[in-house]
N, C-alpha and C. Protein backbone atom coordinates (compact mmCIF):
# COMPACT_ATOMS: atom_id res chain seq x y z
N MET A 1 20.77 -29.83 -5.29
CA MET A 1 20.24 -29.12 -4.14
C MET A 1 18.81 -28.68 -4.44
N THR A 2 17.90 -28.90 -3.51
CA THR A 2 16.50 -28.56 -3.68
C THR A 2 16.17 -27.34 -2.84
N THR A 3 15.43 -26.41 -3.43
CA THR A 3 14.98 -25.25 -2.67
C THR A 3 13.47 -25.31 -2.59
N SER A 4 12.93 -24.77 -1.51
CA SER A 4 11.48 -24.74 -1.38
C SER A 4 11.00 -23.30 -1.40
N SER A 5 9.77 -23.14 -1.78
CA SER A 5 9.19 -21.81 -1.86
C SER A 5 7.74 -21.88 -1.42
N SER A 6 7.26 -20.79 -0.85
CA SER A 6 5.86 -20.75 -0.43
C SER A 6 4.95 -20.28 -1.55
N LEU A 7 5.51 -19.83 -2.68
CA LEU A 7 4.71 -19.35 -3.79
C LEU A 7 4.76 -20.35 -4.94
N PRO A 8 3.64 -20.58 -5.60
CA PRO A 8 3.68 -21.42 -6.80
C PRO A 8 4.56 -20.77 -7.86
N GLU A 9 5.06 -21.57 -8.79
CA GLU A 9 5.99 -21.06 -9.79
C GLU A 9 5.42 -19.87 -10.57
N LYS A 10 4.16 -19.94 -11.01
CA LYS A 10 3.57 -18.82 -11.75
C LYS A 10 3.49 -17.56 -10.89
N ALA A 11 3.13 -17.72 -9.63
CA ALA A 11 3.06 -16.57 -8.73
C ALA A 11 4.44 -15.95 -8.55
N GLU A 12 5.46 -16.80 -8.45
CA GLU A 12 6.83 -16.28 -8.34
C GLU A 12 7.20 -15.50 -9.59
N ASP A 13 6.81 -16.01 -10.76
CA ASP A 13 7.09 -15.30 -12.01
C ASP A 13 6.40 -13.95 -12.04
N LYS A 14 5.14 -13.91 -11.59
CA LYS A 14 4.39 -12.66 -11.58
C LYS A 14 4.99 -11.67 -10.59
N LEU A 15 5.41 -12.17 -9.43
CA LEU A 15 6.05 -11.29 -8.45
C LEU A 15 7.34 -10.73 -9.02
N ALA A 16 8.13 -11.58 -9.67
CA ALA A 16 9.39 -11.13 -10.28
C ALA A 16 9.12 -10.07 -11.35
N LEU A 17 8.08 -10.28 -12.17
CA LEU A 17 7.73 -9.31 -13.20
C LEU A 17 7.33 -7.98 -12.57
N GLY A 18 6.49 -8.02 -11.54
CA GLY A 18 6.08 -6.79 -10.86
C GLY A 18 7.25 -6.06 -10.24
N LEU A 19 8.15 -6.81 -9.62
CA LEU A 19 9.34 -6.19 -9.03
C LEU A 19 10.23 -5.57 -10.10
N GLU A 20 10.37 -6.25 -11.22
CA GLU A 20 11.18 -5.72 -12.32
C GLU A 20 10.55 -4.43 -12.87
N GLN A 21 9.24 -4.44 -13.07
CA GLN A 21 8.55 -3.25 -13.58
C GLN A 21 8.71 -2.08 -12.61
N ALA A 22 8.53 -2.35 -11.33
CA ALA A 22 8.64 -1.29 -10.32
C ALA A 22 10.06 -0.77 -10.21
N SER A 23 11.04 -1.65 -10.30
CA SER A 23 12.43 -1.23 -10.13
C SER A 23 12.88 -0.29 -11.23
N GLN A 24 12.30 -0.41 -12.43
CA GLN A 24 12.66 0.49 -13.51
C GLN A 24 12.26 1.93 -13.19
N VAL A 25 11.21 2.09 -12.40
CA VAL A 25 10.79 3.42 -11.97
C VAL A 25 11.59 3.85 -10.75
N SER A 26 11.75 2.94 -9.78
CA SER A 26 12.38 3.32 -8.51
C SER A 26 13.82 3.79 -8.68
N LEU A 27 14.49 3.35 -9.74
CA LEU A 27 15.86 3.79 -9.98
C LEU A 27 15.92 5.26 -10.40
N ARG A 28 14.80 5.84 -10.81
CA ARG A 28 14.77 7.20 -11.35
C ARG A 28 14.11 8.23 -10.44
N VAL A 29 13.46 7.81 -9.36
CA VAL A 29 12.64 8.75 -8.59
C VAL A 29 13.31 9.21 -7.31
N GLU A 30 12.82 10.32 -6.83
CA GLU A 30 13.13 10.83 -5.49
C GLU A 30 11.80 11.15 -4.83
N ILE A 31 11.65 10.77 -3.57
CA ILE A 31 10.40 11.07 -2.88
C ILE A 31 10.43 12.53 -2.43
N GLU A 32 9.32 13.22 -2.65
CA GLU A 32 9.22 14.63 -2.28
C GLU A 32 8.35 14.86 -1.06
N ASP A 33 7.27 14.07 -0.93
CA ASP A 33 6.31 14.37 0.13
C ASP A 33 5.49 13.14 0.48
N VAL A 34 5.14 13.04 1.76
CA VAL A 34 4.18 12.04 2.24
C VAL A 34 3.19 12.82 3.11
N SER A 35 1.91 12.73 2.76
CA SER A 35 0.89 13.47 3.51
C SER A 35 -0.29 12.56 3.84
N LEU A 36 -0.79 12.68 5.06
CA LEU A 36 -2.04 12.05 5.43
C LEU A 36 -3.15 12.90 4.84
N VAL A 37 -4.02 12.31 4.01
CA VAL A 37 -5.05 13.10 3.34
C VAL A 37 -6.46 12.75 3.79
N GLU A 38 -6.64 11.61 4.47
CA GLU A 38 -7.96 11.25 4.96
C GLU A 38 -7.81 10.18 6.03
N SER A 39 -8.71 10.23 7.02
CA SER A 39 -8.75 9.16 8.01
C SER A 39 -10.17 8.96 8.51
N VAL A 40 -10.46 7.73 8.91
CA VAL A 40 -11.76 7.35 9.46
C VAL A 40 -11.49 6.46 10.66
N ILE A 41 -12.17 6.76 11.76
CA ILE A 41 -12.03 5.94 12.96
C ILE A 41 -13.42 5.70 13.52
N ARG A 42 -13.74 4.42 13.71
CA ARG A 42 -15.01 4.06 14.35
C ARG A 42 -14.73 2.89 15.28
N GLN A 43 -15.32 2.97 16.47
CA GLN A 43 -15.22 1.82 17.37
C GLN A 43 -16.51 1.66 18.15
N ARG A 44 -16.90 0.42 18.26
CA ARG A 44 -18.05 0.03 19.08
C ARG A 44 -17.63 -1.25 19.80
N LEU A 45 -16.59 -1.11 20.58
CA LEU A 45 -16.00 -2.28 21.24
C LEU A 45 -16.72 -2.59 22.54
N ILE A 46 -16.62 -3.82 22.94
CA ILE A 46 -17.19 -4.29 24.20
C ILE A 46 -16.08 -4.27 25.24
N GLN A 47 -16.26 -3.45 26.29
CA GLN A 47 -15.30 -3.34 27.38
C GLN A 47 -13.87 -3.07 26.89
N LYS A 48 -13.74 -2.23 25.86
CA LYS A 48 -12.43 -1.86 25.31
C LYS A 48 -11.58 -3.10 25.01
N ARG A 49 -12.21 -4.14 24.53
CA ARG A 49 -11.52 -5.39 24.19
C ARG A 49 -11.43 -5.48 22.67
N LEU A 50 -10.19 -5.55 22.16
CA LEU A 50 -10.02 -5.69 20.72
C LEU A 50 -10.56 -7.03 20.26
N PRO A 51 -11.26 -7.05 19.13
CA PRO A 51 -11.78 -8.32 18.62
C PRO A 51 -10.64 -9.25 18.19
N PRO A 52 -10.87 -10.55 18.26
CA PRO A 52 -9.82 -11.49 17.86
C PRO A 52 -9.63 -11.55 16.35
N ASN A 53 -10.65 -11.17 15.59
CA ASN A 53 -10.56 -11.22 14.13
C ASN A 53 -10.24 -9.83 13.60
N ILE A 54 -8.97 -9.61 13.27
CA ILE A 54 -8.51 -8.33 12.75
C ILE A 54 -8.04 -8.55 11.32
N TRP A 55 -8.51 -7.69 10.40
CA TRP A 55 -8.14 -7.78 9.00
C TRP A 55 -7.47 -6.48 8.59
N PHE A 56 -6.36 -6.59 7.87
CA PHE A 56 -5.64 -5.43 7.34
C PHE A 56 -5.79 -5.43 5.83
N GLY A 57 -6.01 -4.27 5.24
CA GLY A 57 -6.13 -4.18 3.79
C GLY A 57 -5.47 -2.93 3.25
N THR A 58 -5.20 -2.93 1.94
CA THR A 58 -4.61 -1.78 1.28
C THR A 58 -5.24 -1.60 -0.10
N GLY A 59 -5.15 -0.41 -0.61
CA GLY A 59 -5.55 -0.11 -1.98
C GLY A 59 -4.69 1.02 -2.49
N THR A 60 -4.39 1.03 -3.79
CA THR A 60 -3.54 2.08 -4.35
C THR A 60 -4.13 2.65 -5.63
N LYS A 61 -3.76 3.88 -5.91
CA LYS A 61 -4.07 4.54 -7.18
C LYS A 61 -2.84 5.37 -7.53
N THR A 62 -2.33 5.18 -8.75
CA THR A 62 -1.11 5.86 -9.17
C THR A 62 -1.40 6.76 -10.36
N GLU A 63 -0.86 7.97 -10.32
CA GLU A 63 -1.08 8.94 -11.38
C GLU A 63 0.26 9.58 -11.74
N VAL A 64 0.51 9.77 -13.02
CA VAL A 64 1.74 10.42 -13.49
C VAL A 64 1.36 11.79 -14.04
N GLN A 65 2.09 12.82 -13.61
CA GLN A 65 1.78 14.19 -14.04
C GLN A 65 3.03 14.82 -14.63
N LYS A 66 2.86 15.52 -15.75
CA LYS A 66 3.97 16.26 -16.35
C LYS A 66 4.01 17.65 -15.73
N LEU A 67 5.19 18.07 -15.35
CA LEU A 67 5.37 19.39 -14.76
C LEU A 67 6.11 20.28 -15.76
N ASP A 68 5.63 21.48 -15.94
CA ASP A 68 6.33 22.44 -16.78
C ASP A 68 7.17 23.32 -15.87
N SER A 69 8.43 22.94 -15.75
CA SER A 69 9.32 23.69 -14.84
C SER A 69 10.57 24.11 -15.59
N GLY A 70 10.40 25.07 -16.48
CA GLY A 70 11.55 25.57 -17.21
C GLY A 70 11.75 24.87 -18.54
N LYS A 71 13.01 24.83 -18.98
CA LYS A 71 13.34 24.28 -20.29
C LYS A 71 13.18 22.77 -20.35
N GLN A 72 13.60 22.09 -19.31
CA GLN A 72 13.56 20.62 -19.28
C GLN A 72 12.30 20.17 -18.55
N PRO A 73 11.41 19.42 -19.22
CA PRO A 73 10.22 18.95 -18.50
C PRO A 73 10.59 17.92 -17.44
N SER A 74 9.85 17.92 -16.36
CA SER A 74 10.04 16.89 -15.34
C SER A 74 8.68 16.28 -15.05
N TRP A 75 8.70 15.23 -14.31
CA TRP A 75 7.48 14.46 -14.08
C TRP A 75 7.30 14.22 -12.60
N ARG A 76 6.04 14.04 -12.23
CA ARG A 76 5.69 13.73 -10.85
C ARG A 76 4.82 12.48 -10.86
N ILE A 77 5.09 11.59 -9.93
CA ILE A 77 4.25 10.43 -9.73
C ILE A 77 3.54 10.64 -8.40
N VAL A 78 2.23 10.57 -8.42
CA VAL A 78 1.43 10.71 -7.20
C VAL A 78 0.79 9.37 -6.93
N VAL A 79 1.06 8.83 -5.75
CA VAL A 79 0.48 7.54 -5.36
C VAL A 79 -0.42 7.78 -4.16
N LEU A 80 -1.69 7.42 -4.31
CA LEU A 80 -2.64 7.48 -3.20
C LEU A 80 -2.78 6.07 -2.65
N ILE A 81 -2.57 5.94 -1.36
CA ILE A 81 -2.61 4.62 -0.73
C ILE A 81 -3.58 4.67 0.45
N ARG A 82 -4.51 3.72 0.45
CA ARG A 82 -5.46 3.60 1.55
C ARG A 82 -5.15 2.33 2.32
N PHE A 83 -4.98 2.50 3.62
CA PHE A 83 -4.78 1.37 4.52
C PHE A 83 -6.02 1.26 5.39
N GLU A 84 -6.36 0.05 5.78
CA GLU A 84 -7.48 -0.10 6.71
C GLU A 84 -7.26 -1.28 7.63
N LEU A 85 -7.84 -1.13 8.81
CA LEU A 85 -7.92 -2.19 9.80
C LEU A 85 -9.39 -2.35 10.11
N VAL A 86 -9.87 -3.58 10.09
CA VAL A 86 -11.27 -3.88 10.43
C VAL A 86 -11.23 -5.02 11.43
N GLY A 87 -12.00 -4.89 12.52
CA GLY A 87 -12.05 -5.94 13.52
C GLY A 87 -13.48 -6.30 13.87
N LYS A 88 -13.68 -7.60 14.10
CA LYS A 88 -15.01 -8.07 14.50
C LYS A 88 -14.86 -9.26 15.44
N TYR A 89 -15.92 -9.50 16.22
CA TYR A 89 -15.98 -10.64 17.11
C TYR A 89 -16.52 -11.85 16.34
N PRO A 90 -16.16 -13.06 16.73
CA PRO A 90 -16.57 -14.25 15.98
C PRO A 90 -18.08 -14.42 15.81
N ASP A 91 -18.87 -13.97 16.77
CA ASP A 91 -20.32 -14.20 16.70
C ASP A 91 -21.08 -13.13 15.91
N MET A 92 -20.37 -12.25 15.23
CA MET A 92 -21.02 -11.16 14.51
C MET A 92 -21.49 -11.60 13.12
N GLU A 93 -22.52 -10.92 12.65
CA GLU A 93 -23.06 -11.18 11.31
C GLU A 93 -22.08 -10.64 10.26
N PRO A 94 -22.13 -11.21 9.04
CA PRO A 94 -21.31 -10.67 7.94
C PRO A 94 -21.64 -9.19 7.72
N GLY A 95 -20.62 -8.40 7.50
CA GLY A 95 -20.81 -6.97 7.28
C GLY A 95 -20.76 -6.14 8.55
N GLU A 96 -20.93 -6.77 9.70
CA GLU A 96 -20.82 -6.04 10.97
C GLU A 96 -19.35 -5.92 11.35
N GLU A 97 -19.03 -4.84 12.04
CA GLU A 97 -17.67 -4.66 12.51
C GLU A 97 -17.70 -3.86 13.80
N ARG A 98 -16.68 -4.05 14.63
CA ARG A 98 -16.60 -3.34 15.91
C ARG A 98 -15.54 -2.25 15.92
N ILE A 99 -14.59 -2.36 15.03
CA ILE A 99 -13.58 -1.31 14.93
C ILE A 99 -13.16 -1.17 13.48
N ARG A 100 -12.97 0.06 13.08
CA ARG A 100 -12.47 0.37 11.73
C ARG A 100 -11.55 1.57 11.87
N ILE A 101 -10.36 1.43 11.35
CA ILE A 101 -9.41 2.54 11.28
C ILE A 101 -8.89 2.56 9.85
N GLU A 102 -9.07 3.69 9.19
CA GLU A 102 -8.60 3.86 7.82
C GLU A 102 -7.73 5.10 7.77
N ALA A 103 -6.73 5.06 6.91
CA ALA A 103 -5.90 6.23 6.67
C ALA A 103 -5.45 6.20 5.22
N SER A 104 -5.56 7.35 4.56
CA SER A 104 -5.09 7.48 3.18
C SER A 104 -3.94 8.46 3.15
N PHE A 105 -2.89 8.04 2.49
CA PHE A 105 -1.68 8.85 2.36
C PHE A 105 -1.44 9.17 0.89
N ARG A 106 -0.92 10.38 0.63
CA ARG A 106 -0.51 10.76 -0.71
C ARG A 106 1.01 10.86 -0.71
N LEU A 107 1.63 10.09 -1.58
CA LEU A 107 3.08 10.13 -1.74
C LEU A 107 3.39 10.77 -3.07
N THR A 108 4.31 11.72 -3.07
CA THR A 108 4.69 12.41 -4.30
C THR A 108 6.17 12.14 -4.57
N TYR A 109 6.43 11.70 -5.79
CA TYR A 109 7.79 11.41 -6.24
C TYR A 109 8.08 12.28 -7.46
N ARG A 110 9.34 12.60 -7.67
CA ARG A 110 9.74 13.39 -8.83
C ARG A 110 10.73 12.58 -9.65
N LEU A 111 10.60 12.70 -10.98
CA LEU A 111 11.57 12.08 -11.87
C LEU A 111 11.75 12.96 -13.09
N ASP A 112 12.92 12.87 -13.71
CA ASP A 112 13.24 13.74 -14.84
C ASP A 112 12.80 13.19 -16.18
N SER A 113 12.68 11.87 -16.28
CA SER A 113 12.32 11.28 -17.57
C SER A 113 11.43 10.06 -17.37
N ILE A 114 10.47 9.90 -18.29
CA ILE A 114 9.64 8.70 -18.27
C ILE A 114 9.93 7.84 -19.50
N GLU A 115 10.99 8.19 -20.20
CA GLU A 115 11.35 7.45 -21.42
C GLU A 115 11.54 5.96 -21.10
N GLY A 116 10.90 5.12 -21.89
CA GLY A 116 11.01 3.67 -21.72
C GLY A 116 10.11 3.09 -20.65
N LEU A 117 9.31 3.94 -19.98
CA LEU A 117 8.40 3.47 -18.95
C LEU A 117 6.97 3.53 -19.47
N ASP A 118 6.13 2.62 -18.98
CA ASP A 118 4.73 2.66 -19.39
C ASP A 118 3.83 2.57 -18.16
N GLU A 119 2.54 2.53 -18.40
CA GLU A 119 1.56 2.52 -17.33
C GLU A 119 1.78 1.37 -16.34
N GLU A 120 2.18 0.22 -16.86
CA GLU A 120 2.40 -0.95 -15.99
C GLU A 120 3.59 -0.74 -15.06
N ASN A 121 4.62 -0.04 -15.52
CA ASN A 121 5.74 0.28 -14.64
C ASN A 121 5.27 1.14 -13.48
N PHE A 122 4.45 2.15 -13.79
CA PHE A 122 3.97 3.06 -12.75
C PHE A 122 3.00 2.37 -11.80
N ARG A 123 2.13 1.50 -12.34
CA ARG A 123 1.20 0.77 -11.48
C ARG A 123 1.97 -0.15 -10.52
N ALA A 124 2.94 -0.89 -11.05
CA ALA A 124 3.74 -1.78 -10.20
C ALA A 124 4.51 -0.98 -9.15
N PHE A 125 5.04 0.17 -9.56
CA PHE A 125 5.77 1.03 -8.62
C PHE A 125 4.85 1.48 -7.49
N GLY A 126 3.65 1.93 -7.82
CA GLY A 126 2.71 2.39 -6.79
C GLY A 126 2.31 1.27 -5.85
N GLU A 127 2.06 0.09 -6.42
CA GLU A 127 1.59 -1.04 -5.61
C GLU A 127 2.70 -1.64 -4.74
N LEU A 128 3.93 -1.54 -5.17
CA LEU A 128 5.02 -2.11 -4.38
C LEU A 128 5.78 -1.03 -3.60
N ASN A 129 6.46 -0.14 -4.32
CA ASN A 129 7.26 0.88 -3.65
C ASN A 129 6.40 1.87 -2.87
N GLY A 130 5.27 2.27 -3.47
CA GLY A 130 4.41 3.24 -2.79
C GLY A 130 3.93 2.72 -1.45
N ILE A 131 3.42 1.50 -1.45
CA ILE A 131 2.97 0.91 -0.18
C ILE A 131 4.14 0.75 0.77
N TYR A 132 5.26 0.27 0.27
CA TYR A 132 6.44 0.07 1.11
C TYR A 132 6.90 1.39 1.74
N ASN A 133 6.89 2.47 0.96
CA ASN A 133 7.30 3.77 1.50
C ASN A 133 6.31 4.35 2.49
N ALA A 134 5.01 4.09 2.30
CA ALA A 134 3.98 4.65 3.18
C ALA A 134 3.73 3.80 4.42
N TYR A 135 4.11 2.54 4.38
CA TYR A 135 3.75 1.61 5.46
C TYR A 135 4.25 2.05 6.84
N PRO A 136 5.46 2.58 6.98
CA PRO A 136 5.86 3.05 8.32
C PRO A 136 4.96 4.16 8.86
N TYR A 137 4.46 5.02 7.98
CA TYR A 137 3.54 6.08 8.40
C TYR A 137 2.23 5.48 8.88
N TRP A 138 1.73 4.46 8.18
CA TRP A 138 0.51 3.77 8.57
C TRP A 138 0.70 3.09 9.92
N ARG A 139 1.80 2.40 10.12
CA ARG A 139 2.03 1.69 11.38
C ARG A 139 2.07 2.67 12.55
N GLU A 140 2.74 3.80 12.36
CA GLU A 140 2.81 4.80 13.43
C GLU A 140 1.43 5.39 13.68
N TYR A 141 0.70 5.71 12.61
CA TYR A 141 -0.65 6.26 12.75
C TYR A 141 -1.55 5.28 13.49
N LEU A 142 -1.52 4.02 13.10
CA LEU A 142 -2.36 2.99 13.71
C LEU A 142 -2.02 2.83 15.19
N GLN A 143 -0.75 2.71 15.49
CA GLN A 143 -0.35 2.48 16.89
C GLN A 143 -0.71 3.68 17.77
N SER A 144 -0.46 4.89 17.29
CA SER A 144 -0.78 6.06 18.12
C SER A 144 -2.30 6.25 18.24
N THR A 145 -3.05 5.93 17.20
CA THR A 145 -4.51 6.04 17.25
C THR A 145 -5.09 5.04 18.24
N ILE A 146 -4.63 3.81 18.18
CA ILE A 146 -5.08 2.78 19.12
C ILE A 146 -4.81 3.22 20.56
N THR A 147 -3.64 3.78 20.80
CA THR A 147 -3.28 4.27 22.14
C THR A 147 -4.21 5.40 22.56
N ARG A 148 -4.46 6.35 21.66
CA ARG A 148 -5.34 7.49 21.98
C ARG A 148 -6.78 7.04 22.24
N MET A 149 -7.16 5.90 21.68
CA MET A 149 -8.50 5.36 21.91
C MET A 149 -8.58 4.62 23.25
N GLY A 150 -7.46 4.52 23.95
CA GLY A 150 -7.43 3.84 25.24
C GLY A 150 -7.51 2.33 25.11
N LEU A 151 -7.06 1.80 23.98
CA LEU A 151 -7.14 0.37 23.73
C LEU A 151 -5.78 -0.29 23.96
N PRO A 152 -5.80 -1.61 24.13
CA PRO A 152 -4.52 -2.31 24.29
C PRO A 152 -3.65 -2.15 23.04
N PRO A 153 -2.34 -2.20 23.21
CA PRO A 153 -1.44 -2.01 22.05
C PRO A 153 -1.72 -3.03 20.95
N LEU A 154 -1.57 -2.57 19.73
CA LEU A 154 -1.71 -3.42 18.56
C LEU A 154 -0.60 -3.00 17.59
N ILE A 155 0.17 -3.96 17.16
CA ILE A 155 1.25 -3.68 16.23
C ILE A 155 0.88 -4.27 14.87
N ALA A 156 0.87 -3.44 13.85
CA ALA A 156 0.57 -3.93 12.50
C ALA A 156 1.67 -4.88 12.06
N PRO A 157 1.30 -5.89 11.30
CA PRO A 157 2.31 -6.83 10.82
C PRO A 157 3.27 -6.14 9.84
N LEU A 158 4.41 -6.75 9.61
CA LEU A 158 5.35 -6.23 8.62
C LEU A 158 4.72 -6.26 7.24
N PHE A 159 5.11 -5.31 6.41
CA PHE A 159 4.65 -5.34 5.02
C PHE A 159 5.52 -6.33 4.26
N LYS A 160 4.86 -7.26 3.59
CA LYS A 160 5.56 -8.25 2.78
C LYS A 160 4.91 -8.27 1.41
N PRO A 161 5.67 -7.92 0.37
CA PRO A 161 5.07 -7.97 -0.97
C PRO A 161 4.54 -9.36 -1.26
N LYS A 162 3.35 -9.41 -1.78
CA LYS A 162 2.73 -10.70 -2.08
C LYS A 162 2.59 -10.87 -3.57
N ALA A 163 2.46 -12.09 -3.98
CA ALA A 163 2.30 -12.39 -5.39
C ALA A 163 1.05 -11.72 -5.95
N GLU A 164 0.02 -11.54 -5.12
CA GLU A 164 -1.21 -10.93 -5.61
C GLU A 164 -0.97 -9.51 -6.11
N VAL A 165 -0.07 -8.77 -5.44
CA VAL A 165 0.23 -7.41 -5.87
C VAL A 165 0.85 -7.45 -7.25
N ALA A 166 1.84 -8.30 -7.42
CA ALA A 166 2.48 -8.41 -8.72
C ALA A 166 1.52 -9.00 -9.75
N ALA A 167 0.67 -9.91 -9.33
CA ALA A 167 -0.28 -10.54 -10.25
C ALA A 167 -1.27 -9.51 -10.78
N ARG A 168 -1.72 -8.57 -9.94
CA ARG A 168 -2.62 -7.52 -10.41
C ARG A 168 -1.95 -6.71 -11.49
N SER A 169 -0.68 -6.38 -11.26
CA SER A 169 0.06 -5.60 -12.25
C SER A 169 0.22 -6.38 -13.54
N ALA A 170 0.59 -7.65 -13.45
CA ALA A 170 0.81 -8.46 -14.65
C ALA A 170 -0.51 -8.73 -15.38
N SER A 171 -1.60 -8.98 -14.64
CA SER A 171 -2.87 -9.27 -15.29
C SER A 171 -3.43 -8.03 -15.99
N ALA A 172 -3.20 -6.86 -15.42
CA ALA A 172 -3.67 -5.63 -16.06
C ALA A 172 -2.96 -5.45 -17.40
N LYS A 173 -1.70 -5.83 -17.47
CA LYS A 173 -0.94 -5.70 -18.70
C LYS A 173 -1.42 -6.69 -19.76
N ASN A 174 -1.84 -7.88 -19.30
CA ASN A 174 -2.25 -8.93 -20.21
C ASN A 174 -3.72 -8.85 -20.62
N GLY A 175 -4.46 -7.95 -20.05
CA GLY A 175 -5.85 -7.90 -20.49
C GLY A 175 -6.69 -7.16 -19.57
């Protein structure tokens, strides 16, 4: 029996590695808080017409903090995630844009032990689980913002982990 895949074999391996690294953290954490910490909205649209070229992007930063809460130390993972939408018309110069919507969310997770985990586990967790946990907040923020701007509805695509996310995690570990 033959199976097909849209990812090259190495990319599949990197995605599997990133998922494995993230899952070691996700089994131990509880989410405590999701907060919108920054947003940027700019539009210079023509006749309230959304541009045909829309780009979605993300960026993450993960930090682990030790908490002194009594006899047993506990830990907090803080993941900062920036989402953005940028739109432009086909005849625009490079660097020009007609709409930009950005939102940064801070997700806070708590865990009792970091034993057996390293920086790569936390990075993979932030890039996969952090984005996955924050993405519904981004989609709601984007949709309600677009509506408040008086623009036609726009639905953000589903979040799908990509090999590039896992590849960043694996490449950081390798060098």
